[in-house]
Amino acid sequence: MRDFPELTAADIHRIEARAHQLRAEYMRDLISALGRKIATLSRKTAMLFHRRRSMNSHPHSLTH
């Protein structure tokens, strides 16, 4: 068996506060990455529609 140091109430509170901080940082980073991904997909989708519209309005397009 190992001997573990006894934790005081203050030690436990510090550990809990640090765990809370780490969870908050993780969620912040996760939401930020998700926001960047959504923005990238939105731009790609917009460019796809922009290209189609500009291709169809071109005088030498195959649809005319």
PDB file of N, CA and C in Angstrom:
ATOM      1  N   MET A   1       0.824  -1.188   0.000  1.00  0.00           N
ATOM      2  CA  MET A   1       0.000   0.000   0.000  1.00  0.00           C
ATOM      3  C   MET A   1       0.865   1.246   0.000  1.00  0.00           C
ATOM      4  N   ARG A   2       0.318   2.258  -0.604  1.00  0.00           N
ATOM      5  CA  ARG A   2       1.030   3.534  -0.624  1.00  0.00           C
ATOM      6  C   ARG A   2       0.536   4.429   0.501  1.00  0.00           C
ATOM      7  N   ASP A   3       1.392   5.305   0.889  1.00  0.00           N
ATOM      8  CA  ASP A   3       0.989   6.329   1.858  1.00  0.00           C
ATOM      9  C   ASP A   3       0.708   7.616   1.091  1.00  0.00           C
ATOM     10  N   PHE A   4      -0.478   8.101   1.249  1.00  0.00           N
ATOM     11  CA  PHE A   4      -0.862   9.347   0.600  1.00  0.00           C
ATOM     12  C   PHE A   4      -0.931  10.449   1.636  1.00  0.00           C
ATOM     13  N   PRO A   5      -0.505  11.638   1.251  1.00  0.00           N
ATOM     14  CA  PRO A   5      -0.606  12.740   2.216  1.00  0.00           C
ATOM     15  C   PRO A   5      -2.081  13.076   2.466  1.00  0.00           C
ATOM     16  N   GLU A   6      -2.364  13.484   3.682  1.00  0.00           N
ATOM     17  CA  GLU A   6      -3.733  13.862   3.996  1.00  0.00           C
ATOM     18  C   GLU A   6      -4.041  15.212   3.359  1.00  0.00           C
ATOM     19  N   LEU A   7      -5.214  15.300   2.809  1.00  0.00           N
ATOM     20  CA  LEU A   7      -5.640  16.552   2.191  1.00  0.00           C
ATOM     21  C   LEU A   7      -6.496  17.339   3.165  1.00  0.00           C
ATOM     22  N   THR A   8      -6.233  18.617   3.208  1.00  0.00           N
ATOM     23  CA  THR A   8      -7.062  19.487   4.033  1.00  0.00           C
ATOM     24  C   THR A   8      -8.239  19.966   3.197  1.00  0.00           C
ATOM     25  N   ALA A   9      -9.185  20.589   3.847  1.00  0.00           N
ATOM     26  CA  ALA A   9     -10.337  21.158   3.136  1.00  0.00           C
ATOM     27  C   ALA A   9      -9.856  22.211   2.127  1.00  0.00           C
ATOM     28  N   ALA A  10      -8.841  22.972   2.498  1.00  0.00           N
ATOM     29  CA  ALA A  10      -8.294  23.991   1.591  1.00  0.00           C
ATOM     30  C   ALA A  10      -7.665  23.331   0.359  1.00  0.00           C
ATOM     31  N   ASP A  11      -6.974  22.213   0.557  1.00  0.00           N
ATOM     32  CA  ASP A  11      -6.393  21.485  -0.577  1.00  0.00           C
ATOM     33  C   ASP A  11      -7.489  21.011  -1.532  1.00  0.00           C
ATOM     34  N   ILE A  12      -8.544  20.468  -0.968  1.00  0.00           N
ATOM     35  CA  ILE A  12      -9.653  19.971  -1.788  1.00  0.00           C
ATOM     36  C   ILE A  12     -10.304  21.115  -2.552  1.00  0.00           C
ATOM     37  N   HIS A  13     -10.478  22.242  -1.901  1.00  0.00           N
ATOM     38  CA  HIS A  13     -11.074  23.401  -2.578  1.00  0.00           C
ATOM     39  C   HIS A  13     -10.180  23.890  -3.722  1.00  0.00           C
ATOM     40  N   ARG A  14      -8.871  23.896  -3.503  1.00  0.00           N
ATOM     41  CA  ARG A  14      -7.943  24.297  -4.570  1.00  0.00           C
ATOM     42  C   ARG A  14      -8.010  23.328  -5.747  1.00  0.00           C
ATOM     43  N   ILE A  15      -8.078  22.045  -5.462  1.00  0.00           N
ATOM     44  CA  ILE A  15      -8.177  21.027  -6.518  1.00  0.00           C
ATOM     45  C   ILE A  15      -9.477  21.200  -7.291  1.00  0.00           C
ATOM     46  N   GLU A  16     -10.570  21.407  -6.573  1.00  0.00           N
ATOM     47  CA  GLU A  16     -11.862  21.615  -7.241  1.00  0.00           C
ATOM     48  C   GLU A  16     -11.863  22.879  -8.079  1.00  0.00           C
ATOM     49  N   ALA A  17     -11.267  23.939  -7.569  1.00  0.00           N
ATOM     50  CA  ALA A  17     -11.198  25.198  -8.324  1.00  0.00           C
ATOM     51  C   ALA A  17     -10.375  25.017  -9.594  1.00  0.00           C
ATOM     52  N   ARG A  18      -9.286  24.294  -9.483  1.00  0.00           N
ATOM     53  CA  ARG A  18      -8.436  24.046 -10.659  1.00  0.00           C
ATOM     54  C   ARG A  18      -9.172  23.175 -11.673  1.00  0.00           C
ATOM     55  N   ALA A  19      -9.889  22.172 -11.222  1.00  0.00           N
ATOM     56  CA  ALA A  19     -10.668  21.315 -12.120  1.00  0.00           C
ATOM     57  C   ALA A  19     -11.736  22.146 -12.833  1.00  0.00           C
ATOM     58  N   HIS A  20     -12.389  23.026 -12.095  1.00  0.00           N
ATOM     59  CA  HIS A  20     -13.399  23.900 -12.693  1.00  0.00           C
ATOM     60  C   HIS A  20     -12.766  24.801 -13.754  1.00  0.00           C
ATOM     61  N   GLN A  21     -11.605  25.355 -13.443  1.00  0.00           N
ATOM     62  CA  GLN A  21     -10.892  26.224 -14.383  1.00  0.00           C
ATOM     63  C   GLN A  21     -10.521  25.460 -15.651  1.00  0.00           C
ATOM     64  N   LEU A  22     -10.007  24.254 -15.493  1.00  0.00           N
ATOM     65  CA  LEU A  22      -9.613  23.449 -16.654  1.00  0.00           C
ATOM     66  C   LEU A  22     -10.819  23.093 -17.516  1.00  0.00           C
ATOM     67  N   ARG A  23     -11.950  22.760 -16.882  1.00  0.00           N
ATOM     68  CA  ARG A  23     -13.174  22.457 -17.643  1.00  0.00           C
ATOM     69  C   ARG A  23     -13.638  23.691 -18.411  1.00  0.00           C
ATOM     70  N   ALA A  24     -13.597  24.851 -17.773  1.00  0.00           N
ATOM     71  CA  ALA A  24     -14.019  26.097 -18.420  1.00  0.00           C
ATOM     72  C   ALA A  24     -13.113  26.413 -19.613  1.00  0.00           C
ATOM     73  N   GLU A  25     -11.811  26.241 -19.447  1.00  0.00           N
ATOM     74  CA  GLU A  25     -10.880  26.490 -20.548  1.00  0.00           C
ATOM     75  C   GLU A  25     -11.127  25.513 -21.699  1.00  0.00           C
ATOM     76  N   TYR A  26     -11.367  24.261 -21.367  1.00  0.00           N
ATOM     77  CA  TYR A  26     -11.632  23.257 -22.394  1.00  0.00           C
ATOM     78  C   TYR A  26     -12.905  23.615 -23.168  1.00  0.00           C
ATOM     79  N   MET A  27     -13.966  23.964 -22.463  1.00  0.00           N
ATOM     80  CA  MET A  27     -15.220  24.320 -23.125  1.00  0.00           C
ATOM     81  C   MET A  27     -15.047  25.574 -23.983  1.00  0.00           C
ATOM     82  N   ARG A  28     -14.305  26.562 -23.488  1.00  0.00           N
ATOM     83  CA  ARG A  28     -14.047  27.775 -24.259  1.00  0.00           C
ATOM     84  C   ARG A  28     -13.336  27.427 -25.562  1.00  0.00           C
ATOM     85  N   ASP A  29     -12.302  26.602 -25.472  1.00  0.00           N
ATOM     86  CA  ASP A  29     -11.548  26.214 -26.669  1.00  0.00           C
ATOM     87  C   ASP A  29     -12.402  25.390 -27.626  1.00  0.00           C
ATOM     88  N   LEU A  30     -13.228  24.512 -27.074  1.00  0.00           N
ATOM     89  CA  LEU A  30     -14.096  23.674 -27.891  1.00  0.00           C
ATOM     90  C   LEU A  30     -15.128  24.530 -28.640  1.00  0.00           C
ATOM     91  N   ILE A  31     -15.754  25.450 -27.936  1.00  0.00           N
ATOM     92  CA  ILE A  31     -16.761  26.312 -28.563  1.00  0.00           C
ATOM     93  C   ILE A  31     -16.112  27.237 -29.591  1.00  0.00           C
ATOM     94  N   SER A  32     -14.929  27.728 -29.284  1.00  0.00           N
ATOM     95  CA  SER A  32     -14.207  28.582 -30.224  1.00  0.00           C
ATOM     96  C   SER A  32     -13.868  27.820 -31.508  1.00  0.00           C
ATOM     97  N   ALA A  33     -13.379  26.594 -31.359  1.00  0.00           N
ATOM     98  CA  ALA A  33     -13.058  25.769 -32.534  1.00  0.00           C
ATOM     99  C   ALA A  33     -14.314  25.453 -33.332  1.00  0.00           C
ATOM    100  N   LEU A  34     -15.406  25.180 -32.644  1.00  0.00           N
ATOM    101  CA  LEU A  34     -16.669  24.912 -33.319  1.00  0.00           C
ATOM    102  C   LEU A  34     -17.141  26.142 -34.089  1.00  0.00           C
ATOM    103  N   GLY A  35     -17.013  27.310 -33.489  1.00  0.00           N
ATOM    104  CA  GLY A  35     -17.381  28.555 -34.167  1.00  0.00           C
ATOM    105  C   GLY A  35     -16.546  28.787 -35.413  1.00  0.00           C
ATOM    106  N   ARG A  36     -15.234  28.522 -35.312  1.00  0.00           N
ATOM    107  CA  ARG A  36     -14.366  28.688 -36.491  1.00  0.00           C
ATOM    108  C   ARG A  36     -14.774  27.723 -37.595  1.00  0.00           C
ATOM    109  N   LYS A  37     -15.111  26.493 -37.228  1.00  0.00           N
ATOM    110  CA  LYS A  37     -15.508  25.482 -38.212  1.00  0.00           C
ATOM    111  C   LYS A  37     -16.808  25.894 -38.900  1.00  0.00           C
ATOM    112  N   ILE A  38     -17.763  26.388 -38.131  1.00  0.00           N
ATOM    113  CA  ILE A  38     -19.037  26.835 -38.710  1.00  0.00           C
ATOM    114  C   ILE A  38     -18.804  28.012 -39.650  1.00  0.00           C
ATOM    115  N   ALA A  39     -17.955  28.943 -39.256  1.00  0.00           N
ATOM    116  CA  ALA A  39     -17.656  30.093 -40.114  1.00  0.00           C
ATOM    117  C   ALA A  39     -16.990  29.645 -41.412  1.00  0.00           C
ATOM    118  N   THR A  40     -16.077  28.706 -41.322  1.00  0.00           N
ATOM    119  CA  THR A  40     -15.397  28.190 -42.520  1.00  0.00           C
ATOM    120  C   THR A  40     -16.393  27.500 -43.444  1.00  0.00           C
ATOM    121  N   LEU A  41     -17.254  26.681 -42.873  1.00  0.00           N
ATOM    122  CA  LEU A  41     -18.252  25.993 -43.699  1.00  0.00           C
ATOM    123  C   LEU A  41     -19.225  26.982 -44.334  1.00  0.00           C
ATOM    124  N   SER A  42     -19.586  28.021 -43.601  1.00  0.00           N
ATOM    125  CA  SER A  42     -20.477  29.048 -44.149  1.00  0.00           C
ATOM    126  C   SER A  42     -19.827  29.747 -45.339  1.00  0.00           C
ATOM    127  N   ARG A  43     -18.556  30.095 -45.189  1.00  0.00           N
ATOM    128  CA  ARG A  43     -17.847  30.763 -46.299  1.00  0.00           C
ATOM    129  C   ARG A  43     -17.742  29.837 -47.510  1.00  0.00           C
ATOM    130  N   LYS A  44     -17.430  28.565 -47.261  1.00  0.00           N
ATOM    131  CA  LYS A  44     -17.310  27.617 -48.375  1.00  0.00           C
ATOM    132  C   LYS A  44     -18.655  27.448 -49.081  1.00  0.00           C
ATOM    133  N   THR A  45     -19.728  27.363 -48.317  1.00  0.00           N
ATOM    134  CA  THR A  45     -21.063  27.227 -48.902  1.00  0.00           C
ATOM    135  C   THR A  45     -21.412  28.473 -49.706  1.00  0.00           C
ATOM    136  N   ALA A  46     -21.134  29.640 -49.144  1.00  0.00           N
ATOM    137  CA  ALA A  46     -21.424  30.892 -49.854  1.00  0.00           C
ATOM    138  C   ALA A  46     -20.628  30.975 -51.154  1.00  0.00           C
ATOM    139  N   MET A  47     -19.377  30.568 -51.118  1.00  0.00           N
ATOM    140  CA  MET A  47     -18.550  30.617 -52.329  1.00  0.00           C
ATOM    141  C   MET A  47     -19.072  29.624 -53.371  1.00  0.00           C
ATOM    142  N   LEU A  48     -19.577  28.496 -52.941  1.00  0.00           N
ATOM    143  CA  LEU A  48     -20.120  27.510 -53.865  1.00  0.00           C
ATOM    144  C   LEU A  48     -21.315  28.109 -54.617  1.00  0.00           C
ATOM    145  N   PHE A  49     -22.225  28.758 -53.883  1.00  0.00           N
ATOM    146  CA  PHE A  49     -23.381  29.378 -54.522  1.00  0.00           C
ATOM    147  C   PHE A  49     -22.966  30.576 -55.360  1.00  0.00           C
ATOM    148  N   HIS A  50     -21.982  31.320 -54.904  1.00  0.00           N
ATOM    149  CA  HIS A  50     -21.501  32.475 -55.653  1.00  0.00           C
ATOM    150  C   HIS A  50     -20.920  32.028 -56.995  1.00  0.00           C
ATOM    151  N   ARG A  51     -20.154  30.957 -56.982  1.00  0.00           N
ATOM    152  CA  ARG A  51     -19.563  30.447 -58.227  1.00  0.00           C
ATOM    153  C   ARG A  51     -20.644  29.968 -59.184  1.00  0.00           C
ATOM    154  N   ARG A  52     -21.640  29.262 -58.678  1.00  0.00           N
ATOM    155  CA  ARG A  52     -22.707  28.760 -59.541  1.00  0.00           C
ATOM    156  C   ARG A  52     -23.471  29.910 -60.184  1.00  0.00           C
ATOM    157  N   ARG A  53     -23.792  30.926 -59.392  1.00  0.00           N
ATOM    158  CA  ARG A  53     -24.529  32.054 -59.906  1.00  0.00           C
ATOM    159  C   ARG A  53     -23.696  32.803 -60.954  1.00  0.00           C
ATOM    160  N   SER A  54     -22.431  33.013 -60.656  1.00  0.00           N
ATOM    161  CA  SER A  54     -21.600  33.743 -61.604  1.00  0.00           C
ATOM    162  C   SER A  54     -21.334  32.914 -62.857  1.00  0.00           C
ATOM    163  N   MET A  55     -21.271  31.591 -62.727  1.00  0.00           N
ATOM    164  CA  MET A  55     -21.077  30.748 -63.911  1.00  0.00           C
ATOM    165  C   MET A  55     -22.328  30.791 -64.786  1.00  0.00           C
ATOM    166  N   ASN A  56     -23.498  30.772 -64.162  1.00  0.00           N
ATOM    167  CA  ASN A  56     -24.745  30.788 -64.946  1.00  0.00           C
ATOM    168  C   ASN A  56     -24.991  32.140 -65.594  1.00  0.00           C
ATOM    169  N   SER A  57     -24.461  33.197 -65.033  1.00  0.00           N
ATOM    170  CA  SER A  57     -24.705  34.517 -65.610  1.00  0.00           C
ATOM    171  C   SER A  57     -23.630  34.879 -66.649  1.00  0.00           C
ATOM    172  N   HIS A  58     -22.644  34.033 -66.806  1.00  0.00           N
ATOM    173  CA  HIS A  58     -21.566  34.316 -67.762  1.00  0.00           C
ATOM    174  C   HIS A  58     -22.111  34.143 -69.184  1.00  0.00           C
ATOM    175  N   PRO A  59     -21.804  35.071 -70.112  1.00  0.00           N
ATOM    176  CA  PRO A  59     -22.352  34.979 -71.467  1.00  0.00           C
ATOM    177  C   PRO A  59     -21.943  33.717 -72.225  1.00  0.00           C
ATOM    178  N   HIS A  60     -20.842  33.108 -71.862  1.00  0.00           N
ATOM    179  CA  HIS A  60     -20.369  31.919 -72.578  1.00  0.00           C
ATOM    180  C   HIS A  60     -20.661  30.633 -71.807  1.00  0.00           C
ATOM    181  N   SER A  61     -21.569  30.686 -70.844  1.00  0.00           N
ATOM    182  CA  SER A  61     -21.870  29.479 -70.079  1.00  0.00           C
ATOM    183  C   SER A  61     -22.627  28.499 -70.959  1.00  0.00           C
ATOM    184  N   LEU A  62     -22.598  27.243 -70.569  1.00  0.00           N
ATOM    185  CA  LEU A  62     -23.204  26.190 -71.382  1.00  0.00           C
ATOM    186  C   LEU A  62     -24.739  26.231 -71.351  1.00  0.00           C
ATOM    187  N   THR A  63     -25.299  26.936 -70.408  1.00  0.00           N
ATOM    188  CA  THR A  63     -26.772  26.950 -70.281  1.00  0.00           C
ATOM    189  C   THR A  63     -27.410  27.926 -71.245  1.00  0.00           C
ATOM    190  N   HIS A  64     -26.653  28.789 -71.896  1.00  0.00           N
ATOM    191  CA  HIS A  64     -27.239  29.778 -72.815  1.00  0.00           C
ATOM    192  C   HIS A  64     -27.211  29.291 -74.241  1.00  0.00           C
TER     193      HIS A  64
END
